[in-house]
Protein backbone atom coordinates (compact mmCIF):
# COMPACT_ATOMS: atom_id res chain seq x y z
CA MET A 1 -31.83 0.54 3.02
CA ILE A 2 -28.30 -0.45 3.96
CA LYS A 3 -27.19 -0.75 0.35
CA ASN A 4 -28.03 2.94 -0.12
CA SER A 5 -26.23 4.04 3.03
CA ARG A 6 -23.45 6.57 2.51
CA VAL A 7 -21.58 4.98 5.41
CA LEU A 8 -21.49 1.48 3.90
CA PRO A 9 -18.84 2.19 1.21
CA TYR A 10 -16.47 3.54 3.87
CA LEU A 11 -17.08 0.53 6.09
CA LEU A 12 -16.48 -1.91 3.23
CA ILE A 13 -13.19 -0.40 2.08
CA PHE A 14 -11.99 -0.15 5.69
CA VAL A 15 -12.64 -3.81 6.49
CA ALA A 16 -11.33 -4.97 3.11
CA GLY A 17 -8.23 -2.82 3.56
CA VAL A 18 -7.46 -4.17 7.02
CA LEU A 19 -7.81 -7.75 5.78
CA TRP A 20 -5.75 -7.17 2.66
CA GLY A 21 -3.07 -5.40 4.68
CA GLY A 22 -2.30 -8.66 6.43
CA THR A 23 -1.62 -10.48 3.17
CA PHE A 24 1.74 -8.74 2.69
CA SER A 25 3.17 -10.30 5.81
CA LEU A 26 1.60 -13.63 4.82
CA ALA A 27 3.17 -13.34 1.36
CA LEU A 28 6.62 -13.03 2.90
CA ILE A 29 5.90 -16.15 4.95
CA ALA A 30 4.59 -17.99 1.86
CA THR A 31 7.67 -17.16 -0.23
CA SER A 32 10.20 -17.75 2.56
CA ASP A 33 10.81 -21.39 1.58
CA GLY A 34 11.52 -20.57 -2.07
CA SER A 35 8.21 -21.87 -3.44
CA HIS A 36 7.74 -21.16 -7.15
CA PRO A 37 5.48 -18.14 -7.92
CA LEU A 38 3.31 -20.29 -10.21
CA VAL A 39 2.68 -22.81 -7.43
CA LEU A 40 1.72 -20.01 -5.02
CA ALA A 41 -0.54 -18.28 -7.54
CA THR A 42 -2.23 -21.51 -8.61
CA TRP A 43 -2.99 -22.67 -5.08
CA GLN A 44 -4.35 -19.25 -4.11
CA VAL A 45 -6.67 -19.12 -7.12
CA LEU A 46 -7.71 -22.76 -6.68
CA VAL A 47 -8.79 -22.18 -3.07
CA SER A 48 -10.57 -18.97 -4.08
CA ALA A 49 -12.41 -20.72 -6.93
CA ALA A 50 -13.55 -23.50 -4.59
CA ILE A 51 -14.94 -21.01 -2.07
CA PHE A 52 -16.69 -18.91 -4.70
CA THR A 53 -18.24 -22.05 -6.21
CA VAL A 54 -19.66 -23.04 -2.82
CA VAL A 55 -21.00 -19.51 -2.30
CA CYS A 56 -22.65 -19.48 -5.72
CA ARG A 57 -24.34 -22.82 -5.09
CA ALA A 58 -25.50 -21.67 -1.65
CA LEU A 59 -26.99 -18.50 -3.16
CA ARG A 60 -28.41 -20.45 -6.11
CA ILE A 61 -26.72 -18.29 -8.71
CA PRO A 62 -24.71 -19.53 -11.71
CA ALA A 63 -21.02 -20.05 -11.03
CA PHE A 64 -20.15 -19.80 -14.71
CA ARG A 65 -22.04 -18.61 -17.78
CA LEU A 66 -20.58 -18.97 -21.26
CA GLY A 67 -22.06 -15.63 -22.25
CA ASN A 68 -19.80 -13.90 -19.75
CA LEU A 69 -16.63 -15.69 -20.85
CA GLY A 70 -15.09 -12.48 -22.17
CA LYS A 71 -15.55 -10.78 -18.80
CA TYR A 72 -14.09 -13.78 -16.99
CA LEU A 73 -11.07 -13.78 -19.31
CA PHE A 74 -10.30 -10.12 -18.76
CA ILE A 75 -10.70 -10.19 -14.99
CA GLY A 76 -8.96 -13.55 -14.71
CA LEU A 77 -5.87 -12.49 -16.65
CA VAL A 78 -5.63 -8.85 -15.54
CA GLY A 79 -6.86 -9.31 -11.96
CA HIS A 80 -5.50 -12.75 -11.04
CA VAL A 81 -3.00 -14.54 -13.28
CA LEU A 82 -0.60 -11.76 -14.28
CA PRO A 83 -0.51 -9.74 -11.03
CA ASP A 84 -0.34 -12.85 -8.82
CA VAL A 85 2.63 -14.31 -10.66
CA LEU A 86 4.43 -10.96 -10.81
CA TYR A 87 3.70 -10.27 -7.15
CA TYR A 88 5.01 -13.60 -5.87
CA THR A 89 8.06 -13.23 -8.09
CA ALA A 90 8.93 -9.83 -6.61
CA ALA A 91 7.85 -10.43 -2.98
CA PRO A 92 10.99 -12.28 -1.77
CA HIS A 93 13.14 -9.34 -2.89
CA LEU A 94 11.21 -6.57 -1.10
CA SER A 95 10.11 -5.78 2.43
CA ALA A 96 6.51 -6.05 3.60
CA GLY A 97 6.41 -2.25 3.92
CA ILE A 98 7.36 -1.64 0.31
CA LEU A 99 4.90 -4.26 -0.89
CA SER A 100 2.06 -2.51 0.94
CA ILE A 101 3.20 0.97 -0.11
CA THR A 102 3.13 0.16 -3.81
CA VAL A 103 -0.60 -0.65 -3.61
CA SER A 104 -1.22 3.05 -3.05
CA THR A 105 -0.44 3.70 -6.70
CA VAL A 106 -3.70 1.94 -7.68
CA PRO A 107 -5.87 5.06 -7.09
CA LEU A 108 -3.60 7.19 -9.27
CA PHE A 109 -3.64 4.67 -12.10
CA THR A 110 -7.40 4.22 -11.71
CA TYR A 111 -8.10 7.94 -11.78
CA ALA A 112 -5.71 8.43 -14.74
CA ILE A 113 -7.39 5.66 -16.77
CA MET A 114 -10.88 6.91 -15.91
CA TRP A 115 -9.94 10.49 -16.83
CA ALA A 116 -8.18 9.46 -20.05
CA MET A 117 -11.23 7.44 -21.13
CA LYS A 118 -13.53 10.32 -20.11
CA PHE A 119 -15.40 8.26 -17.52
CA GLU A 120 -14.47 10.75 -14.77
CA ARG A 121 -14.18 14.51 -14.62
CA ILE A 122 -11.69 16.33 -12.45
CA VAL A 123 -13.20 17.21 -9.06
CA ILE A 124 -10.95 19.34 -6.87
CA LYS A 125 -11.99 17.72 -3.60
CA ARG A 126 -11.34 14.19 -4.87
CA ALA A 127 -8.09 15.21 -6.55
CA VAL A 128 -6.83 16.72 -3.28
CA GLY A 129 -7.78 13.49 -1.52
CA LEU A 130 -5.68 11.52 -3.97
CA LEU A 131 -2.76 13.90 -3.52
CA CYS A 132 -3.00 13.55 0.25
CA GLY A 133 -2.73 9.82 -0.11
CA MET A 134 0.33 10.06 -2.34
CA LEU A 135 1.95 12.57 0.03
CA ALA A 136 1.44 10.08 2.83
CA ILE A 137 3.13 7.38 0.77
CA LEU A 138 6.10 9.65 0.10
CA LEU A 139 6.44 10.14 3.85
CA LEU A 140 6.70 6.39 4.17
CA VAL A 141 9.09 5.80 1.27
CA ILE A 142 11.57 8.68 1.43
CA PRO A 143 12.57 8.84 5.11
CA ASP A 144 12.14 5.12 5.92
CA GLN A 145 12.43 3.02 2.80
CA GLY A 146 13.08 -0.37 4.35
CA LEU A 147 14.37 -1.80 1.06
CA SER A 148 16.40 -4.97 0.83
CA GLY A 149 18.37 -6.93 -1.73
CA ASP A 150 19.86 -6.07 -5.11
CA ASP A 151 18.13 -4.63 -8.17
CA VAL A 152 15.43 -3.16 -5.94
CA ASN A 153 14.14 -0.79 -8.62
CA PHE A 154 13.42 -3.70 -10.95
CA TRP A 155 11.36 -5.56 -8.33
CA ILE A 156 9.52 -2.38 -7.36
CA LEU A 157 8.70 -1.87 -11.05
CA LEU A 158 7.15 -5.35 -11.18
CA VAL A 159 4.92 -4.63 -8.17
CA VAL A 160 3.93 -1.22 -9.58
CA LEU A 161 2.96 -3.05 -12.78
CA CYS A 162 0.67 -5.18 -10.61
CA ALA A 163 -0.94 -1.97 -9.36
CA LEU A 164 -1.50 -0.84 -12.96
CA LEU A 165 -3.19 -4.15 -13.76
CA TYR A 166 -5.43 -3.86 -10.71
CA ALA A 167 -6.38 -0.32 -11.76
CA ALA A 168 -7.34 -1.56 -15.25
CA GLU A 169 -9.45 -4.25 -13.59
CA ASN A 170 -11.17 -1.62 -11.41
CA VAL A 171 -12.15 0.46 -14.42
CA TYR A 172 -13.34 -2.55 -16.41
CA ILE A 173 -15.58 -3.78 -13.59
CA SER A 174 -17.13 -0.34 -13.22
CA GLU A 175 -17.60 0.55 -16.89
CA GLY A 176 -17.48 -2.77 -18.75
CA VAL A 177 -19.65 -4.96 -16.55
CA SER A 178 -23.39 -4.31 -16.15
CA TYR A 179 -24.71 -3.59 -12.68
CA GLU A 180 -27.02 -6.62 -12.94
CA THR A 181 -24.08 -9.05 -13.17
CA ASN A 182 -23.75 -10.85 -9.85
CA ILE A 183 -20.49 -10.13 -8.05
CA PHE A 184 -19.97 -13.73 -6.91
CA GLU A 185 -20.64 -15.11 -10.38
CA LEU A 186 -18.08 -12.69 -11.78
CA LEU A 187 -15.47 -13.66 -9.20
CA CYS A 188 -16.18 -17.37 -9.47
CA GLY A 189 -16.08 -17.39 -13.26
CA SER A 190 -12.86 -15.35 -13.40
CA THR A 191 -11.04 -17.65 -10.94
CA ILE A 192 -12.17 -20.75 -12.86
CA VAL A 193 -10.85 -19.25 -16.10
CA SER A 194 -7.62 -18.28 -14.33
CA LEU A 195 -7.06 -21.93 -13.43
CA ALA A 196 -7.18 -22.85 -17.12
CA PHE A 197 -3.98 -20.82 -17.53
CA LEU A 198 -2.29 -21.51 -14.21
CA VAL A 199 -2.78 -25.27 -13.74
CA PRO A 200 -1.07 -26.43 -16.97
CA ALA A 201 1.81 -24.03 -16.36
CA THR A 202 2.21 -25.23 -12.77
CA PHE A 203 2.13 -28.93 -13.64
CA SER A 204 4.79 -28.34 -16.26
CA LEU A 205 7.07 -27.86 -13.25
CA GLU A 206 8.17 -30.62 -10.92
CA THR A 207 5.17 -30.78 -8.58
CA GLU A 208 5.51 -34.22 -7.01
CA ASN A 209 5.83 -32.61 -3.57
CA LEU A 210 2.77 -30.37 -3.99
CA LEU A 211 0.44 -32.19 -1.58
CA PRO A 212 2.91 -32.30 1.34
CA TRP A 213 3.74 -28.65 0.64
CA ILE A 214 0.11 -27.62 1.21
CA LEU A 215 0.46 -28.57 4.88
CA THR A 216 3.68 -26.58 5.37
CA THR A 217 3.87 -23.06 6.81
CA SER A 218 4.11 -21.70 3.27
CA GLY A 219 1.03 -23.66 2.20
CA TRP A 220 -1.02 -22.48 5.16
CA ALA A 221 0.08 -18.88 4.52
CA ILE A 222 -1.05 -18.94 0.89
CA THR A 223 -4.32 -20.63 1.88
CA SER A 224 -4.93 -17.82 4.37
CA ILE A 225 -4.22 -15.27 1.64
CA ALA A 226 -6.79 -16.97 -0.59
CA VAL A 227 -9.51 -16.92 2.08
CA ILE A 228 -8.79 -13.29 2.98
CA SER A 229 -8.78 -12.33 -0.69
CA VAL A 230 -12.20 -13.91 -1.23
CA VAL A 231 -13.74 -11.85 1.56
CA ALA A 232 -11.92 -8.63 0.67
CA TYR A 233 -12.52 -8.98 -3.08
CA SER A 234 -16.25 -9.42 -2.51
CA MET A 235 -16.40 -6.23 -0.43
CA PHE A 236 -14.19 -4.35 -2.88
CA PHE A 237 -16.08 -5.35 -6.02
CA TYR A 238 -19.40 -4.40 -4.41
CA THR A 239 -17.95 -0.99 -3.58
CA ILE A 240 -16.79 -0.51 -7.17
CA LYS A 241 -20.30 -1.16 -8.46
CA THR A 242 -22.01 1.09 -5.89
CA ALA A 243 -19.53 3.93 -5.26
CA GLY A 244 -17.33 3.85 -8.36
CA PRO A 245 -13.76 2.65 -8.98
CA VAL A 246 -11.97 5.83 -7.92
CA PHE A 247 -13.60 5.80 -4.49
CA ALA A 248 -13.15 2.04 -4.11
CA SER A 249 -9.48 2.32 -5.00
CA GLN A 250 -8.96 4.43 -1.86
CA CYS A 251 -8.99 1.05 -0.14
CA ALA A 252 -5.33 0.94 -1.21
CA TYR A 253 -4.45 3.62 1.33
CA ILE A 254 -6.06 1.65 4.14
CA VAL A 255 -4.23 -1.45 2.90
CA THR A 256 -0.95 0.43 3.23
CA VAL A 257 -1.61 1.52 6.80
CA ALA A 258 -2.89 -1.92 7.75
CA GLY A 259 0.16 -3.51 6.14
CA VAL A 260 2.42 -1.42 8.38
CA LEU A 261 0.41 -2.27 11.50
CA TRP A 262 0.26 -5.99 10.66
CA GLY A 263 4.03 -5.91 10.20
CA ILE A 264 4.36 -4.54 13.74
CA ALA A 265 2.02 -7.18 15.14
CA ILE A 266 3.56 -10.15 13.32
CA PHE A 267 7.24 -9.24 12.92
CA SER A 268 7.59 -6.63 15.72
CA GLU A 269 8.68 -4.03 13.19
CA LYS A 270 9.49 -0.54 14.47
CA HIS A 271 8.71 2.62 12.53
CA THR A 272 9.60 6.29 12.70
CA VAL A 273 7.38 9.32 13.30
CA TRP A 274 7.14 9.68 9.52
CA VAL A 275 5.05 6.53 9.35
CA TRP A 276 2.52 7.80 11.88
CA MET A 277 2.34 11.19 10.13
CA SER A 278 1.53 9.35 6.91
CA VAL A 279 -1.27 7.45 8.66
CA LEU A 280 -3.01 10.72 9.59
CA ILE A 281 -2.62 12.18 6.11
CA ILE A 282 -3.95 8.99 4.51
CA MET A 283 -7.08 9.19 6.66
CA VAL A 284 -7.60 12.79 5.51
CA GLY A 285 -7.21 11.68 1.91
CA VAL A 286 -9.82 8.95 2.26
CA ALA A 287 -12.24 11.35 3.95
CA LEU A 288 -11.94 13.83 1.06
CA VAL A 289 -12.91 11.26 -1.55
CA SER A 290 -16.66 10.86 -1.11
CA PRO A 291 -18.76 8.15 -2.80
CA SER A 292 -20.20 8.96 -6.20
CA ARG A 293 -23.94 9.57 -6.64
CA ARG A 294 -24.47 5.92 -7.56
CA VAL A 295 -24.55 5.08 -3.85
CA ALA A 296 -27.69 7.03 -3.23
CA SER A 297 -29.53 5.92 -6.35
């Protein structure tokens, strides 16, 4: 069956990574008019919640169950509210390349958390794969940083904190959520709970121009991010449950490469030979990290 295929996890993280890679360029477009991070985060989550609700109804599965409220709260806060607000706060101060590069720290944080909590043991092949990925990121950062603005280290720290939150979410989904829990219910419930935090905070701002803003370039960009995130999140969460969080987190490397390529396509960015060397090393890193035995079970 396709769900037991050893090729499927690779296909899922590749497609999800390519889609997610485009969101960094879209984020720069969305923040270019000075829109408040809360407005951006709220609209993204609202669109996502609407789509997931439709999907749940179409599949005839519950969109929200009170018994899973704790799971929704954790994923909503750690996977949506906090990282989204931090990300859109930092995005205007960094380049698209740096935004995509920082995602590559998710596998390290994921592996470190899993190892510290004794959910994973050290496997040389997988560890080398992770190191290859980090080496590739260093080749991107050190020779061709592409940083902009003042207090860059502070903004980078905020985005790295987002990566840490995503890693915690990865581990929780793998180890804290039963395999029987439907992916779409989990995503739908978590986005609905996220709105309970984001909507009041957003409407505490001056939002009288919110509806016209939705039809602006910034509004369309954030709507696109929401739609892409729905598709990519679904693929990514399924991979976590079938191949494990450490393997699924390798999607971050593909996101980085895709982010660079999308930047070339959208903004005509030019890159050095170091970038292309990093692409090759990243691919080696992904190849070395094979799916866990759960895939074949």
